[in-house]
Amino acid sequence: MRRTRWGDEGSATVWAVFAAMALCTVFAVVVAMAQVVVARHRAGAAADLAALAAADRALQDTTAACGAARRVAVAQDAYLVRCTVRGDIADVTARARTGPFTSDIRARAGPPTSQGTEPIPDGDTPDA
């Protein structure tokens, strides 16, 4: 008569299933993190470019500036959430979506300003 042992036979299968589940979980987390990063970068690029486009048209009028910003954001597969123009400074917020994740990024653009400093004439050195 043959005697049946109930030891650890088949335990490798159970361990393999748990290892496969752990790897699938890690893979899903990595994919989700990548989607978050992609959404943020797309929104940032769209906001930066839309702000530059709005600042380029800021002296025409607010409607033209925000229209240009909206067209640029749409070309970047993003949505323009907010656009304000004060003088020659454009302030926009763009929203991008990748998978289930959405990211809103704000950007400002305008002409360069010198904050309390005078431009240095050619050939002169600043006093240290």
N, C-alpha and C. Protein backbone atom coordinates (compact mmCIF):
# COMPACT_ATOMS: atom_id res chain seq x y z
N MET A 1 0.82 -1.16 0.00
CA MET A 1 0.00 0.00 0.00
C MET A 1 0.88 1.25 0.00
N ARG A 2 0.41 2.26 -0.75
CA ARG A 2 1.19 3.47 -0.90
C ARG A 2 0.69 4.52 0.10
N ARG A 3 1.59 5.11 0.74
CA ARG A 3 1.26 6.09 1.75
C ARG A 3 1.42 7.51 1.18
N THR A 4 0.46 8.41 1.37
CA THR A 4 0.49 9.77 0.86
C THR A 4 1.09 10.70 1.89
N ARG A 5 2.00 11.52 1.42
CA ARG A 5 2.61 12.50 2.31
C ARG A 5 1.97 13.85 2.03
N TRP A 6 1.71 14.61 3.06
CA TRP A 6 1.16 15.96 2.91
C TRP A 6 2.22 16.96 3.38
N GLY A 7 3.28 17.00 2.70
CA GLY A 7 4.37 17.90 3.08
C GLY A 7 4.29 19.19 2.28
N ASP A 8 5.42 19.56 1.73
CA ASP A 8 5.47 20.81 0.99
C ASP A 8 5.39 20.59 -0.52
N GLU A 9 4.80 19.54 -0.96
CA GLU A 9 4.63 19.30 -2.39
C GLU A 9 3.67 20.33 -2.97
N GLY A 10 4.06 20.97 -4.06
CA GLY A 10 3.22 21.97 -4.69
C GLY A 10 3.40 23.36 -4.13
N SER A 11 4.28 23.54 -3.17
CA SER A 11 4.44 24.87 -2.60
C SER A 11 5.17 25.81 -3.57
N ALA A 12 5.95 25.26 -4.48
CA ALA A 12 6.64 26.10 -5.46
C ALA A 12 5.62 26.80 -6.36
N THR A 13 4.53 26.15 -6.66
CA THR A 13 3.49 26.76 -7.48
C THR A 13 2.87 27.95 -6.76
N VAL A 14 2.61 27.79 -5.49
CA VAL A 14 2.04 28.88 -4.71
C VAL A 14 3.00 30.05 -4.64
N TRP A 15 4.28 29.78 -4.41
CA TRP A 15 5.27 30.85 -4.37
C TRP A 15 5.40 31.53 -5.74
N ALA A 16 5.34 30.78 -6.80
CA ALA A 16 5.43 31.36 -8.15
C ALA A 16 4.24 32.27 -8.43
N VAL A 17 3.04 31.88 -7.98
CA VAL A 17 1.85 32.71 -8.17
C VAL A 17 2.00 34.01 -7.38
N PHE A 18 2.47 33.94 -6.14
CA PHE A 18 2.66 35.15 -5.35
C PHE A 18 3.73 36.05 -5.96
N ALA A 19 4.82 35.46 -6.47
CA ALA A 19 5.87 36.26 -7.11
C ALA A 19 5.34 36.94 -8.36
N ALA A 20 4.54 36.23 -9.15
CA ALA A 20 3.95 36.84 -10.35
C ALA A 20 3.00 37.98 -9.98
N MET A 21 2.22 37.80 -8.92
CA MET A 21 1.31 38.87 -8.48
C MET A 21 2.10 40.09 -8.01
N ALA A 22 3.19 39.86 -7.32
CA ALA A 22 4.03 40.97 -6.84
C ALA A 22 4.64 41.73 -8.01
N LEU A 23 5.13 41.01 -9.01
CA LEU A 23 5.70 41.65 -10.19
C LEU A 23 4.64 42.45 -10.95
N CYS A 24 3.45 41.91 -11.07
CA CYS A 24 2.36 42.64 -11.74
C CYS A 24 2.00 43.90 -10.98
N THR A 25 2.00 43.84 -9.66
CA THR A 25 1.70 45.03 -8.85
C THR A 25 2.78 46.09 -9.04
N VAL A 26 4.04 45.69 -9.01
CA VAL A 26 5.14 46.64 -9.21
C VAL A 26 5.03 47.26 -10.60
N PHE A 27 4.73 46.46 -11.61
CA PHE A 27 4.59 46.97 -12.98
C PHE A 27 3.45 47.98 -13.07
N ALA A 28 2.34 47.69 -12.43
CA ALA A 28 1.20 48.62 -12.47
C ALA A 28 1.54 49.94 -11.79
N VAL A 29 2.28 49.89 -10.69
CA VAL A 29 2.68 51.12 -10.00
C VAL A 29 3.63 51.93 -10.87
N VAL A 30 4.57 51.28 -11.53
CA VAL A 30 5.53 51.98 -12.40
C VAL A 30 4.80 52.63 -13.58
N VAL A 31 3.86 51.94 -14.17
CA VAL A 31 3.09 52.51 -15.29
C VAL A 31 2.27 53.72 -14.81
N ALA A 32 1.66 53.62 -13.65
CA ALA A 32 0.88 54.75 -13.12
C ALA A 32 1.79 55.95 -12.84
N MET A 33 2.96 55.71 -12.27
CA MET A 33 3.88 56.82 -12.02
C MET A 33 4.34 57.45 -13.31
N ALA A 34 4.57 56.65 -14.34
CA ALA A 34 4.98 57.19 -15.63
C ALA A 34 3.87 58.06 -16.23
N GLN A 35 2.62 57.65 -16.07
CA GLN A 35 1.51 58.45 -16.59
C GLN A 35 1.41 59.78 -15.86
N VAL A 36 1.66 59.80 -14.57
CA VAL A 36 1.64 61.05 -13.80
C VAL A 36 2.74 61.98 -14.32
N VAL A 37 3.93 61.46 -14.53
CA VAL A 37 5.04 62.28 -15.01
C VAL A 37 4.75 62.82 -16.41
N VAL A 38 4.22 61.98 -17.28
CA VAL A 38 3.90 62.42 -18.64
C VAL A 38 2.84 63.52 -18.61
N ALA A 39 1.81 63.36 -17.79
CA ALA A 39 0.76 64.39 -17.70
C ALA A 39 1.34 65.71 -17.21
N ARG A 40 2.21 65.66 -16.24
CA ARG A 40 2.80 66.88 -15.71
C ARG A 40 3.69 67.56 -16.73
N HIS A 41 4.49 66.80 -17.44
CA HIS A 41 5.38 67.39 -18.44
C HIS A 41 4.60 67.96 -19.62
N ARG A 42 3.55 67.27 -20.04
CA ARG A 42 2.73 67.79 -21.13
C ARG A 42 2.04 69.08 -20.73
N ALA A 43 1.51 69.13 -19.52
CA ALA A 43 0.85 70.35 -19.05
C ALA A 43 1.87 71.49 -18.90
N GLY A 44 3.05 71.19 -18.41
CA GLY A 44 4.08 72.22 -18.27
C GLY A 44 4.52 72.78 -19.60
N ALA A 45 4.74 71.91 -20.57
CA ALA A 45 5.14 72.38 -21.90
C ALA A 45 4.03 73.21 -22.54
N ALA A 46 2.80 72.74 -22.42
CA ALA A 46 1.68 73.49 -23.00
C ALA A 46 1.51 74.84 -22.33
N ALA A 47 1.66 74.91 -21.01
CA ALA A 47 1.52 76.17 -20.29
C ALA A 47 2.63 77.14 -20.68
N ASP A 48 3.85 76.66 -20.76
CA ASP A 48 4.97 77.53 -21.14
C ASP A 48 4.77 78.10 -22.54
N LEU A 49 4.44 77.24 -23.49
CA LEU A 49 4.27 77.69 -24.87
C LEU A 49 3.05 78.60 -25.02
N ALA A 50 1.98 78.29 -24.31
CA ALA A 50 0.78 79.13 -24.38
C ALA A 50 1.06 80.50 -23.77
N ALA A 51 1.81 80.56 -22.69
CA ALA A 51 2.15 81.85 -22.08
C ALA A 51 3.02 82.68 -23.02
N LEU A 52 3.95 82.04 -23.70
CA LEU A 52 4.78 82.76 -24.66
C LEU A 52 3.94 83.28 -25.83
N ALA A 53 3.01 82.47 -26.30
CA ALA A 53 2.14 82.91 -27.39
C ALA A 53 1.27 84.07 -26.96
N ALA A 54 0.73 84.02 -25.75
CA ALA A 54 -0.10 85.11 -25.25
C ALA A 54 0.72 86.37 -25.03
N ALA A 55 1.93 86.24 -24.52
CA ALA A 55 2.77 87.41 -24.31
C ALA A 55 3.17 88.05 -25.64
N ASP A 56 3.32 87.23 -26.67
CA ASP A 56 3.65 87.76 -27.99
C ASP A 56 2.53 88.64 -28.53
N ARG A 57 1.29 88.29 -28.22
CA ARG A 57 0.13 89.06 -28.70
C ARG A 57 -0.45 89.98 -27.62
N ALA A 58 0.22 90.13 -26.51
CA ALA A 58 -0.35 90.87 -25.37
C ALA A 58 -0.64 92.33 -25.70
N LEU A 59 0.16 92.94 -26.54
CA LEU A 59 -0.03 94.35 -26.84
C LEU A 59 -1.18 94.59 -27.82
N GLN A 60 -1.66 93.54 -28.50
CA GLN A 60 -2.82 93.70 -29.40
C GLN A 60 -4.07 93.88 -28.56
N ASP A 61 -4.52 92.80 -27.93
CA ASP A 61 -5.61 92.85 -26.97
C ASP A 61 -5.71 91.50 -26.28
N THR A 62 -6.47 91.47 -25.20
CA THR A 62 -6.58 90.24 -24.39
C THR A 62 -7.21 89.11 -25.18
N THR A 63 -8.20 89.42 -26.00
CA THR A 63 -8.87 88.37 -26.78
C THR A 63 -7.90 87.70 -27.74
N ALA A 64 -7.11 88.49 -28.45
CA ALA A 64 -6.14 87.91 -29.40
C ALA A 64 -5.07 87.12 -28.67
N ALA A 65 -4.62 87.64 -27.52
CA ALA A 65 -3.57 86.95 -26.76
C ALA A 65 -4.07 85.61 -26.23
N CYS A 66 -5.25 85.60 -25.64
CA CYS A 66 -5.78 84.35 -25.10
C CYS A 66 -6.19 83.39 -26.21
N GLY A 67 -6.61 83.91 -27.34
CA GLY A 67 -6.92 83.05 -28.48
C GLY A 67 -5.67 82.34 -28.98
N ALA A 68 -4.56 83.07 -29.06
CA ALA A 68 -3.29 82.44 -29.47
C ALA A 68 -2.86 81.40 -28.44
N ALA A 69 -3.02 81.71 -27.16
CA ALA A 69 -2.65 80.76 -26.11
C ALA A 69 -3.51 79.50 -26.20
N ARG A 70 -4.79 79.67 -26.45
CA ARG A 70 -5.70 78.53 -26.56
C ARG A 70 -5.32 77.63 -27.74
N ARG A 71 -4.99 78.25 -28.88
CA ARG A 71 -4.60 77.46 -30.06
C ARG A 71 -3.32 76.67 -29.80
N VAL A 72 -2.37 77.29 -29.13
CA VAL A 72 -1.11 76.60 -28.83
C VAL A 72 -1.35 75.46 -27.85
N ALA A 73 -2.17 75.68 -26.84
CA ALA A 73 -2.46 74.62 -25.86
C ALA A 73 -3.15 73.43 -26.54
N VAL A 74 -4.09 73.70 -27.41
CA VAL A 74 -4.79 72.62 -28.12
C VAL A 74 -3.81 71.86 -29.02
N ALA A 75 -2.87 72.57 -29.64
CA ALA A 75 -1.87 71.91 -30.48
C ALA A 75 -0.98 70.98 -29.65
N GLN A 76 -0.87 71.26 -28.36
CA GLN A 76 -0.06 70.43 -27.47
C GLN A 76 -0.90 69.36 -26.75
N ASP A 77 -2.12 69.13 -27.21
CA ASP A 77 -3.05 68.16 -26.59
C ASP A 77 -3.34 68.51 -25.14
N ALA A 78 -3.52 69.79 -24.87
CA ALA A 78 -3.86 70.26 -23.53
C ALA A 78 -5.07 71.19 -23.64
N TYR A 79 -5.55 71.62 -22.49
CA TYR A 79 -6.71 72.48 -22.41
C TYR A 79 -6.31 73.74 -21.64
N LEU A 80 -6.64 74.90 -22.16
CA LEU A 80 -6.32 76.15 -21.49
C LEU A 80 -7.39 76.42 -20.44
N VAL A 81 -7.02 76.38 -19.18
CA VAL A 81 -7.96 76.56 -18.07
C VAL A 81 -8.19 78.04 -17.81
N ARG A 82 -7.11 78.84 -17.80
CA ARG A 82 -7.22 80.24 -17.44
C ARG A 82 -6.19 81.04 -18.22
N CYS A 83 -6.59 82.23 -18.64
CA CYS A 83 -5.69 83.12 -19.35
C CYS A 83 -5.98 84.56 -18.92
N THR A 84 -4.98 85.22 -18.38
CA THR A 84 -5.12 86.63 -18.04
C THR A 84 -3.93 87.38 -18.61
N VAL A 85 -4.19 88.59 -19.07
CA VAL A 85 -3.14 89.44 -19.61
C VAL A 85 -3.24 90.78 -18.91
N ARG A 86 -2.16 91.18 -18.26
CA ARG A 86 -2.10 92.49 -17.60
C ARG A 86 -0.90 93.23 -18.18
N GLY A 87 -1.19 94.24 -18.95
CA GLY A 87 -0.11 94.95 -19.62
C GLY A 87 0.52 94.05 -20.66
N ASP A 88 1.81 93.78 -20.50
CA ASP A 88 2.47 92.88 -21.43
C ASP A 88 2.87 91.56 -20.77
N ILE A 89 2.27 91.25 -19.62
CA ILE A 89 2.52 89.99 -18.91
C ILE A 89 1.32 89.06 -19.11
N ALA A 90 1.59 87.86 -19.59
CA ALA A 90 0.54 86.84 -19.77
C ALA A 90 0.68 85.79 -18.68
N ASP A 91 -0.44 85.42 -18.09
CA ASP A 91 -0.48 84.40 -17.04
C ASP A 91 -1.52 83.36 -17.45
N VAL A 92 -1.08 82.12 -17.71
CA VAL A 92 -1.99 81.08 -18.18
C VAL A 92 -1.85 79.83 -17.32
N THR A 93 -2.91 79.04 -17.32
CA THR A 93 -2.91 77.73 -16.68
C THR A 93 -3.39 76.72 -17.71
N ALA A 94 -2.60 75.66 -17.90
CA ALA A 94 -2.95 74.62 -18.87
C ALA A 94 -3.17 73.31 -18.13
N ARG A 95 -4.07 72.50 -18.68
CA ARG A 95 -4.41 71.20 -18.09
C ARG A 95 -4.16 70.12 -19.14
N ALA A 96 -3.44 69.08 -18.74
CA ALA A 96 -3.20 67.94 -19.62
C ALA A 96 -3.64 66.67 -18.90
N ARG A 97 -4.13 65.73 -19.67
CA ARG A 97 -4.62 64.47 -19.11
C ARG A 97 -3.92 63.31 -19.79
N THR A 98 -3.42 62.39 -18.99
CA THR A 98 -2.82 61.16 -19.49
C THR A 98 -3.39 60.02 -18.66
N GLY A 99 -4.13 59.15 -19.30
CA GLY A 99 -4.78 58.07 -18.57
C GLY A 99 -5.76 58.65 -17.58
N PRO A 100 -5.78 58.16 -16.36
CA PRO A 100 -6.72 58.71 -15.37
C PRO A 100 -6.18 59.94 -14.64
N PHE A 101 -4.99 60.40 -14.99
CA PHE A 101 -4.34 61.48 -14.26
C PHE A 101 -4.42 62.80 -15.01
N THR A 102 -4.67 63.87 -14.27
CA THR A 102 -4.77 65.21 -14.82
C THR A 102 -3.81 66.11 -14.07
N SER A 103 -3.16 67.01 -14.81
CA SER A 103 -2.21 67.92 -14.20
C SER A 103 -2.48 69.34 -14.68
N ASP A 104 -2.52 70.30 -13.75
CA ASP A 104 -2.67 71.72 -14.06
C ASP A 104 -1.36 72.42 -13.75
N ILE A 105 -0.86 73.19 -14.72
CA ILE A 105 0.39 73.92 -14.55
C ILE A 105 0.16 75.37 -14.94
N ARG A 106 0.70 76.26 -14.14
CA ARG A 106 0.59 77.70 -14.38
C ARG A 106 1.92 78.23 -14.89
N ALA A 107 1.85 79.14 -15.87
CA ALA A 107 3.07 79.75 -16.41
C ALA A 107 2.83 81.22 -16.69
N ARG A 108 3.88 82.00 -16.56
CA ARG A 108 3.82 83.43 -16.86
C ARG A 108 4.91 83.76 -17.86
N ALA A 109 4.61 84.74 -18.72
CA ALA A 109 5.60 85.17 -19.71
C ALA A 109 5.41 86.65 -19.98
N GLY A 110 6.49 87.28 -20.30
CA GLY A 110 6.47 88.70 -20.63
C GLY A 110 7.86 89.13 -21.01
N PRO A 111 8.03 90.41 -21.23
CA PRO A 111 9.36 90.89 -21.61
C PRO A 111 10.32 90.83 -20.43
N PRO A 112 11.61 90.72 -20.71
CA PRO A 112 12.59 90.73 -19.61
C PRO A 112 12.63 92.12 -18.98
N THR A 113 12.80 92.14 -17.69
CA THR A 113 12.88 93.41 -16.99
C THR A 113 14.16 93.46 -16.20
N SER A 114 14.66 94.66 -16.01
CA SER A 114 15.81 94.84 -15.13
C SER A 114 15.27 95.36 -13.82
N GLN A 115 15.49 94.64 -12.77
CA GLN A 115 14.92 94.99 -11.48
C GLN A 115 15.86 95.91 -10.72
N GLY A 116 15.74 97.21 -11.00
CA GLY A 116 16.53 98.19 -10.26
C GLY A 116 17.96 98.31 -10.71
N THR A 117 18.33 97.66 -11.81
CA THR A 117 19.71 97.77 -12.28
C THR A 117 19.72 98.46 -13.62
N GLU A 118 20.75 99.21 -13.85
CA GLU A 118 20.93 99.90 -15.12
C GLU A 118 21.72 98.99 -16.06
N PRO A 119 21.43 99.04 -17.35
CA PRO A 119 22.23 98.24 -18.27
C PRO A 119 23.67 98.75 -18.31
N ILE A 120 24.58 97.84 -18.48
CA ILE A 120 26.01 98.19 -18.52
C ILE A 120 26.38 98.53 -19.96
N PRO A 121 26.90 99.73 -20.20
CA PRO A 121 27.33 100.09 -21.56
C PRO A 121 28.47 99.18 -22.00
N ASP A 122 28.60 99.01 -23.31
CA ASP A 122 29.68 98.17 -23.85
C ASP A 122 31.03 98.71 -23.45
N GLY A 123 31.91 97.85 -23.04
CA GLY A 123 33.26 98.24 -22.70
C GLY A 123 33.44 98.60 -21.24
N ASP A 124 32.39 98.88 -20.50
CA ASP A 124 32.51 99.23 -19.09
C ASP A 124 32.39 97.98 -18.24
N THR A 125 32.97 98.01 -17.10
CA THR A 125 32.84 96.91 -16.15
C THR A 125 32.07 97.40 -14.94
N PRO A 126 31.23 96.55 -14.35
CA PRO A 126 30.49 96.98 -13.18
C PRO A 126 31.41 97.13 -11.97
N ASP A 127 31.07 98.06 -11.10
CA ASP A 127 31.84 98.24 -9.87
C ASP A 127 31.53 97.09 -8.93
N ALA A 128 32.58 96.51 -8.36
CA ALA A 128 32.38 95.39 -7.46
C ALA A 128 32.51 95.80 -6.03
